[in-house]
Protein backbone atom coordinates (compact mmCIF):
# COMPACT_ATOMS: atom_id res chain seq x y z
CA MET A 1 24.53 -17.98 -20.84
CA THR A 2 24.29 -19.16 -17.48
CA HIS A 3 24.24 -22.80 -18.78
CA GLU A 4 27.36 -22.32 -20.64
CA PHE A 5 29.09 -20.85 -17.65
CA LYS A 6 27.95 -24.08 -15.54
CA GLU A 7 29.32 -26.43 -18.33
CA ILE A 8 32.72 -24.55 -18.04
CA ILE A 9 32.75 -24.80 -14.11
CA GLN A 10 32.02 -28.51 -14.36
CA GLN A 11 34.77 -29.25 -16.88
CA ALA A 12 37.28 -27.12 -15.05
CA PHE A 13 36.31 -29.09 -11.83
CA LEU A 14 36.99 -32.35 -13.55
CA ASN A 15 40.35 -30.92 -15.07
CA GLN A 16 41.39 -29.76 -11.68
CA GLN A 17 40.57 -33.15 -10.11
CA LYS A 18 43.02 -34.94 -12.78
CA GLY A 19 45.80 -32.31 -12.17
CA ILE A 20 45.20 -30.43 -15.51
CA GLN A 21 45.71 -26.75 -15.76
CA ASN A 22 42.67 -24.38 -16.74
CA VAL A 23 42.71 -20.98 -18.46
CA LEU A 24 39.40 -19.14 -18.69
CA ALA A 25 38.93 -16.86 -21.91
CA THR A 26 36.29 -14.32 -21.56
CA VAL A 27 35.28 -11.56 -24.25
CA VAL A 28 35.34 -8.43 -22.37
CA ALA A 29 34.98 -5.93 -25.06
CA LEU A 30 34.04 -5.59 -28.93
CA ASP A 31 34.84 -3.07 -31.55
CA GLY A 32 32.39 -3.52 -34.42
CA SER A 33 30.62 -6.65 -34.83
CA SER A 34 31.25 -10.49 -34.08
CA TYR A 35 29.60 -13.78 -33.86
CA ARG A 36 29.41 -13.92 -30.17
CA LYS A 37 29.24 -10.83 -27.85
CA PRO A 38 31.04 -9.59 -24.74
CA GLY A 39 30.65 -11.93 -21.79
CA VAL A 40 30.78 -15.21 -23.71
CA GLN A 41 33.47 -17.66 -22.12
CA MET A 42 35.46 -20.77 -22.94
CA LEU A 43 37.78 -23.05 -21.09
CA LEU A 44 41.11 -24.10 -22.26
CA SER A 45 42.91 -26.96 -20.51
CA SER A 46 46.68 -27.82 -20.65
CA ALA A 47 45.67 -31.27 -22.04
CA GLY A 48 44.51 -29.42 -25.28
CA LYS A 49 40.69 -29.53 -24.75
CA ILE A 50 38.40 -26.50 -25.30
CA THR A 51 35.09 -26.26 -23.69
CA GLY A 52 32.66 -23.67 -25.07
CA ALA A 53 33.43 -21.09 -27.72
CA VAL A 54 34.04 -17.25 -27.98
CA SER A 55 33.18 -17.16 -31.57
CA GLY A 56 31.89 -19.34 -34.47
CA GLY A 57 35.07 -21.49 -34.55
CA CYS A 58 37.44 -19.11 -36.17
CA VAL A 59 38.93 -17.52 -33.25
CA GLU A 60 39.41 -20.45 -30.99
CA LYS A 61 42.55 -21.79 -32.18
CA GLU A 62 44.31 -18.65 -32.10
CA VAL A 63 43.08 -18.03 -28.51
CA GLN A 64 44.36 -21.32 -27.62
CA ARG A 65 47.76 -20.60 -28.98
CA ARG A 66 48.26 -17.40 -27.31
CA ALA A 67 47.17 -18.74 -23.82
CA GLN A 68 50.22 -21.02 -23.63
CA THR A 69 52.12 -18.07 -21.93
CA VAL A 70 49.30 -18.16 -19.27
CA PHE A 71 49.59 -21.76 -18.74
CA LYS A 72 53.25 -21.33 -18.16
CA THR A 73 53.33 -18.17 -16.04
CA ARG A 74 49.90 -18.12 -14.41
CA THR A 75 50.07 -14.32 -15.12
CA PRO A 76 46.66 -13.10 -16.71
CA LYS A 77 46.72 -10.99 -20.00
CA VAL A 78 44.50 -9.53 -22.48
CA ILE A 79 44.64 -10.14 -26.23
CA ALA A 80 43.04 -8.53 -28.92
CA TYR A 81 41.84 -10.47 -32.07
CA ASP A 82 41.19 -8.49 -35.29
CA GLY A 83 38.77 -10.24 -37.44
CA ARG A 84 38.29 -7.42 -39.70
CA TYR A 85 40.66 -8.96 -42.40
CA ARG A 86 40.11 -12.56 -41.62
CA LEU A 87 36.29 -13.02 -40.89
CA GLY A 88 33.02 -11.67 -41.99
CA CYS A 89 32.20 -10.24 -38.65
CA GLU A 90 34.34 -6.83 -39.10
CA GLY A 91 35.24 -6.57 -35.42
CA ILE A 92 38.01 -6.56 -32.96
CA LEU A 93 37.72 -8.87 -29.89
CA TYR A 94 39.17 -8.18 -26.61
CA ILE A 95 39.81 -11.44 -24.59
CA LEU A 96 40.90 -11.92 -20.79
CA LEU A 97 42.87 -14.87 -20.24
CA GLU A 98 43.25 -15.88 -16.81
CA SER A 99 44.47 -19.20 -15.04
CA ILE A 100 41.78 -20.42 -12.79
CA ASN A 101 41.51 -22.57 -9.54
CA LEU A 102 38.11 -23.51 -8.00
CA THR A 103 38.26 -23.72 -4.17
CA PRO A 104 35.67 -25.80 -2.28
CA GLU A 105 33.89 -22.38 -1.05
CA PHE A 106 33.41 -21.26 -4.54
CA LEU A 107 32.02 -24.59 -5.79
CA LYS A 108 29.58 -24.73 -2.66
CA GLU A 109 28.37 -21.23 -3.40
CA PHE A 110 28.11 -21.86 -7.22
CA SER A 111 26.06 -25.02 -6.69
CA SER A 112 23.72 -23.35 -4.35
CA SER A 113 23.00 -20.61 -6.58
CA ILE A 114 22.35 -22.83 -9.37
CA GLU A 115 20.08 -25.20 -7.49
CA LYS A 116 18.34 -22.41 -5.70
CA ARG A 117 17.92 -20.30 -8.67
CA ILE A 118 19.58 -17.14 -7.49
CA PRO A 119 21.25 -14.49 -9.87
CA PHE A 120 25.06 -13.79 -9.33
CA SER A 121 27.27 -11.40 -11.01
CA ILE A 122 30.59 -11.76 -12.89
CA ASN A 123 33.03 -8.74 -13.10
CA ALA A 124 36.00 -8.99 -15.41
CA HIS A 125 38.73 -6.60 -14.96
CA TYR A 126 40.87 -5.73 -18.04
CA LYS A 127 42.61 -3.17 -20.27
CA LYS A 128 41.66 -2.64 -23.90
CA GLU A 129 45.08 -3.49 -25.22
CA ASP A 130 46.65 -6.27 -26.99
CA GLU A 131 49.14 -8.67 -25.47
CA ILE A 132 49.22 -6.96 -22.00
CA GLU A 133 49.76 -8.63 -18.77
CA GLY A 134 48.73 -7.10 -15.52
CA ASN A 135 46.47 -7.21 -12.43
CA PHE A 136 43.46 -8.62 -14.52
CA GLY A 137 41.06 -11.26 -13.49
CA THR A 138 37.19 -12.12 -12.77
CA VAL A 139 35.22 -11.42 -9.42
CA ILE A 140 32.28 -13.67 -8.98
CA GLN A 141 29.71 -12.18 -6.60
CA PHE A 142 27.21 -14.49 -4.93
CA GLY A 143 25.31 -11.85 -2.87
CA LYS A 144 27.59 -10.29 -0.61
CA LYS A 145 30.34 -13.08 -1.00
CA PRO A 146 33.00 -12.30 -3.70
CA PHE A 147 35.33 -15.04 -5.31
CA THR A 148 38.12 -14.77 -7.50
CA PHE A 149 39.68 -17.43 -9.67
CA SER A 150 43.36 -16.82 -8.41
CA ASN A 151 44.77 -15.60 -5.14
CA HIS A 152 47.27 -13.49 -7.02
CA PHE A 153 44.45 -11.18 -8.59
CA LYS A 154 43.65 -8.34 -6.25
CA PRO A 155 40.83 -6.22 -7.45
CA THR A 156 41.05 -2.57 -6.76
CA ILE A 157 39.37 0.43 -7.84
CA ASN A 158 42.66 2.28 -8.62
CA ASN A 159 44.33 0.03 -10.88
CA LYS A 160 43.03 1.86 -13.91
CA SER A 161 41.49 -1.27 -15.36
CA LEU A 162 38.32 -1.32 -16.92
CA VAL A 163 35.45 -3.67 -15.68
CA PHE A 164 32.90 -5.72 -17.83
CA THR A 165 29.89 -6.77 -15.78
CA GLN A 166 27.31 -9.30 -16.54
CA THR A 167 24.49 -10.75 -14.39
CA MET A 168 23.91 -14.43 -14.67
CA GLN A 169 20.20 -15.27 -14.31
CA PRO A 170 18.76 -18.61 -13.37
CA LEU A 171 18.84 -21.33 -15.77
CA PHE A 172 15.71 -20.93 -17.79
CA ARG A 173 13.23 -23.57 -16.91
CA LEU A 174 10.71 -25.47 -19.02
CA VAL A 175 7.91 -27.44 -17.30
CA ILE A 176 6.26 -30.03 -19.77
CA ILE A 177 2.84 -31.18 -18.76
CA GLY A 178 2.27 -34.50 -20.59
CA GLY A 179 4.26 -37.83 -20.99
CA GLU A 180 3.87 -38.81 -24.53
CA HIS A 181 6.21 -39.03 -27.34
CA ASP A 182 5.97 -35.41 -28.41
CA ALA A 183 6.89 -34.37 -24.95
CA VAL A 184 10.02 -36.26 -25.13
CA LYS A 185 11.07 -34.66 -28.13
CA LEU A 186 10.32 -31.11 -26.65
CA CYS A 187 12.29 -32.26 -23.70
CA LYS A 188 15.33 -33.09 -25.94
CA GLN A 189 15.09 -29.92 -27.79
CA ALA A 190 15.08 -27.81 -24.67
CA THR A 191 18.01 -29.40 -22.96
CA LEU A 192 20.02 -28.76 -26.06
CA LEU A 193 19.44 -25.00 -25.31
CA GLY A 194 20.74 -25.62 -21.70
CA TRP A 195 17.08 -25.25 -20.03
CA GLU A 196 16.34 -27.03 -16.93
CA VAL A 197 13.42 -29.37 -17.84
CA GLU A 198 10.73 -30.59 -15.48
CA VAL A 199 8.20 -33.15 -16.60
CA ILE A 200 4.71 -33.72 -14.87
CA THR A 201 2.76 -36.60 -16.17
CA SER A 202 -0.71 -38.18 -15.31
CA ILE A 203 -0.82 -40.29 -12.27
CA LYS A 204 -2.77 -42.86 -14.48
CA ASP A 205 0.26 -43.20 -16.97
CA PRO A 206 3.51 -42.25 -14.76
CA LYS A 207 6.74 -42.01 -16.25
CA GLN A 208 10.41 -42.61 -15.09
CA LEU A 209 13.35 -40.19 -15.22
CA SER A 210 14.89 -42.56 -17.88
CA ASP A 211 11.94 -41.91 -20.18
CA PHE A 212 13.28 -38.23 -20.46
CA PRO A 213 16.92 -38.36 -20.81
CA ARG A 214 18.53 -35.05 -19.44
CA ALA A 215 15.40 -33.93 -17.54
CA LYS A 216 15.92 -32.53 -14.07
CA SER A 217 12.83 -34.45 -12.63
CA VAL A 218 9.67 -36.46 -13.76
CA ILE A 219 6.57 -36.75 -11.33
CA ALA A 220 3.07 -37.84 -11.73
CA GLN A 221 0.36 -35.77 -10.26
CA THR A 222 -3.00 -34.44 -10.64
CA PRO A 223 -3.68 -30.63 -11.62
CA GLU A 224 -5.25 -30.06 -8.46
CA LEU A 225 -2.55 -31.35 -6.05
CA VAL A 226 0.64 -30.53 -8.10
CA GLU A 227 2.98 -28.03 -6.47
CA LEU A 228 4.26 -25.53 -8.73
CA THR A 229 6.85 -23.45 -7.13
CA HIS A 230 9.16 -20.54 -8.25
CA ILE A 231 7.27 -20.19 -11.54
CA ASN A 232 8.38 -16.66 -12.69
CA GLN A 233 9.82 -14.86 -15.87
CA HIS A 234 12.52 -17.45 -16.16
CA THR A 235 9.91 -20.19 -16.74
CA ALA A 236 7.75 -21.52 -19.48
CA ILE A 237 5.03 -24.09 -19.27
CA VAL A 238 3.80 -26.33 -22.06
CA LEU A 239 0.58 -28.35 -21.74
CA MET A 240 0.84 -31.74 -23.97
CA ASN A 241 -1.94 -33.64 -22.13
CA HIS A 242 -3.71 -34.28 -25.58
CA SER A 243 -6.79 -34.06 -23.28
CA PHE A 244 -9.14 -31.19 -23.25
CA THR A 245 -10.34 -31.81 -19.70
CA TYR A 246 -6.82 -31.98 -18.26
CA ASP A 247 -5.76 -28.78 -20.15
CA LEU A 248 -8.68 -27.04 -18.70
CA ARG A 249 -7.94 -28.24 -15.04
CA TYR A 250 -4.30 -27.22 -15.46
CA ILE A 251 -5.11 -23.74 -16.88
CA ILE A 252 -7.16 -23.10 -13.93
CA LYS A 253 -4.26 -24.20 -11.62
CA LEU A 254 -1.73 -22.13 -13.60
CA GLN A 255 -3.51 -18.71 -12.72
CA GLU A 256 -1.65 -19.33 -9.21
CA THR A 257 1.47 -18.83 -11.24
CA ASN A 258 3.45 -16.16 -13.20
CA PRO A 259 5.32 -17.80 -16.01
CA SER A 260 6.63 -15.92 -19.16
CA TYR A 261 4.94 -18.31 -21.49
CA ILE A 262 2.22 -20.89 -21.49
CA GLY A 263 1.73 -23.09 -24.33
CA ILE A 264 -1.13 -25.58 -25.27
CA LEU A 265 -1.02 -28.21 -28.23
CA GLY A 266 -4.22 -28.50 -30.03
CA ALA A 267 -6.19 -27.02 -32.99
CA ALA A 268 -7.13 -23.50 -33.30
CA LYS A 269 -10.73 -24.02 -33.10
CA ARG A 270 -10.28 -25.78 -29.71
CA ARG A 271 -8.84 -22.49 -28.23
CA GLU A 272 -12.29 -20.73 -28.24
CA LYS A 273 -13.96 -23.71 -26.34
CA LEU A 274 -10.98 -23.67 -23.96
CA PHE A 275 -11.42 -20.05 -23.08
CA ASN A 276 -15.04 -20.14 -22.88
CA GLU A 277 -15.08 -22.80 -20.37
CA LEU A 278 -12.30 -21.13 -18.34
CA PHE A 279 -14.38 -18.02 -18.41
CA GLU A 280 -17.30 -19.79 -16.81
CA LEU A 281 -15.35 -21.44 -14.25
CA SER A 282 -12.91 -18.42 -13.49
CA PRO A 283 -14.78 -15.36 -14.39
CA ASP A 284 -12.05 -13.37 -12.74
CA VAL A 285 -9.05 -14.60 -15.00
CA SER A 286 -6.93 -11.68 -15.79
CA ASP A 287 -6.18 -10.30 -19.20
CA SER A 288 -2.32 -10.49 -18.36
CA PHE A 289 -2.68 -14.21 -17.68
CA LEU A 290 -4.44 -14.85 -20.96
CA ASP A 291 -1.84 -12.87 -22.82
CA LYS A 292 0.54 -15.46 -21.63
CA ILE A 293 -1.12 -18.51 -23.10
CA HIS A 294 -0.11 -19.39 -26.95
CA THR A 295 -2.35 -22.00 -28.30
CA PRO A 296 -1.96 -23.64 -30.82
CA ALA A 297 1.84 -23.58 -29.29
CA GLY A 298 4.65 -22.71 -31.67
CA LEU A 299 5.64 -20.86 -34.64
CA ASN A 300 4.07 -21.10 -38.04
CA ILE A 301 7.09 -22.91 -39.70
CA GLY A 302 5.30 -25.86 -41.29
CA ALA A 303 6.14 -28.30 -38.51
CA ILE A 304 4.73 -31.69 -39.11
CA THR A 305 6.86 -34.30 -37.19
CA PRO A 306 7.10 -34.24 -33.47
CA GLU A 307 10.66 -33.04 -33.80
CA GLU A 308 9.67 -30.13 -35.95
CA ILE A 309 6.68 -29.29 -33.68
CA ALA A 310 9.20 -29.32 -30.75
CA LEU A 311 11.54 -26.83 -32.67
CA SER A 312 8.48 -24.52 -33.44
CA ILE A 313 7.44 -24.45 -29.83
CA VAL A 314 11.09 -23.68 -28.44
CA ALA A 315 11.48 -21.10 -30.98
CA GLU A 316 8.33 -19.39 -29.94
CA ILE A 317 9.22 -19.40 -26.14
CA LEU A 318 12.63 -17.84 -27.21
CA SER A 319 10.91 -15.17 -29.30
CA VAL A 320 8.60 -14.39 -26.29
CA ILE A 321 11.38 -14.16 -23.64
CA ARG A 322 13.48 -12.17 -25.86
CA ASN A 323 10.78 -9.87 -26.75
CA LYS A 324 11.24 -10.36 -30.40
CA GLU A 325 8.80 -10.05 -33.39
CA VAL A 326 9.44 -12.98 -35.40
CA PHE A 327 10.48 -12.53 -39.15
CA SER A 328 13.38 -13.64 -41.48
CA LEU A 329 16.79 -12.15 -40.63
CA LYS A 330 17.13 -11.36 -44.34
CA LYS A 331 14.69 -8.45 -43.89
CA ILE A 332 17.32 -6.68 -41.46
CA THR A 333 19.57 -3.94 -42.95
CA GLY A 334 21.22 -3.00 -39.72
CA LYS A 335 22.59 -4.83 -36.77
CA ILE A 336 21.06 -8.10 -35.74
CA HIS A 337 21.75 -7.38 -31.97
CA THR A 338 20.82 -3.96 -30.65
């Protein structure tokens, strides 16, 4: 959800520059089931614009209506939205509404955390009641530096409020190695999910950032000289070189890294040949590294077009990083999320 929070902060800053007031809505508790879970947020502006969502679209207008008092008084409050008789979710949402003002110090720390890929925490103070005003608000913690959205909110441990805590992890990162048409489609799919996308192309056929809309970076390099830094569980890598030799050279290089997922395009019969040559060139390759490799990349959803193949790959990456066995949700008889 870090990318959603980032979009909210960016829009709040733009509104603030124009003299438009902002109210942040945060789902802090849930009784029963709902489309979205506690921690999700959306931004309301005094100009009537909504950024983000706290549900599937059925709750937002009600929250916007009930937030008008916060725009007028700047006093935070908690509201309850009972969807049991209006929605199919059968749950009661508790939503914190607070007026927010972004300081230059906060924006600096926030930008630094996003750029340096450092986690930060969000602690929302609330009471589980409906239409209750009080000393409520959010504390954003960057390391040892806490920030609040309002100078009027004074978080204390004795105000008998509850605290909903969530940790915002670095934006998920996808490294695409390849510069052809299908790589552009994968880049587009990934950015729709809010992932940071970095593209590495061949030095024989370099590409520009304009070739990959919304990508963070596009560089041309060789497998041996490319610098792959900060590759960890928040990173996936997909090889789309359409070249067996390049794939092999990159796989050898990637042994120095620790991503959550490595995908390689190509037929299934190509996999055995790739692994056999990898064993010859790197006899000490670890089983844990091999387990990260998915080739052919993607889920078996019958994908044919580049767009569909891109969808199958991002779906497989999600299943891996969320540690989910893939099957149809119609087979579930209990809760979707546990």
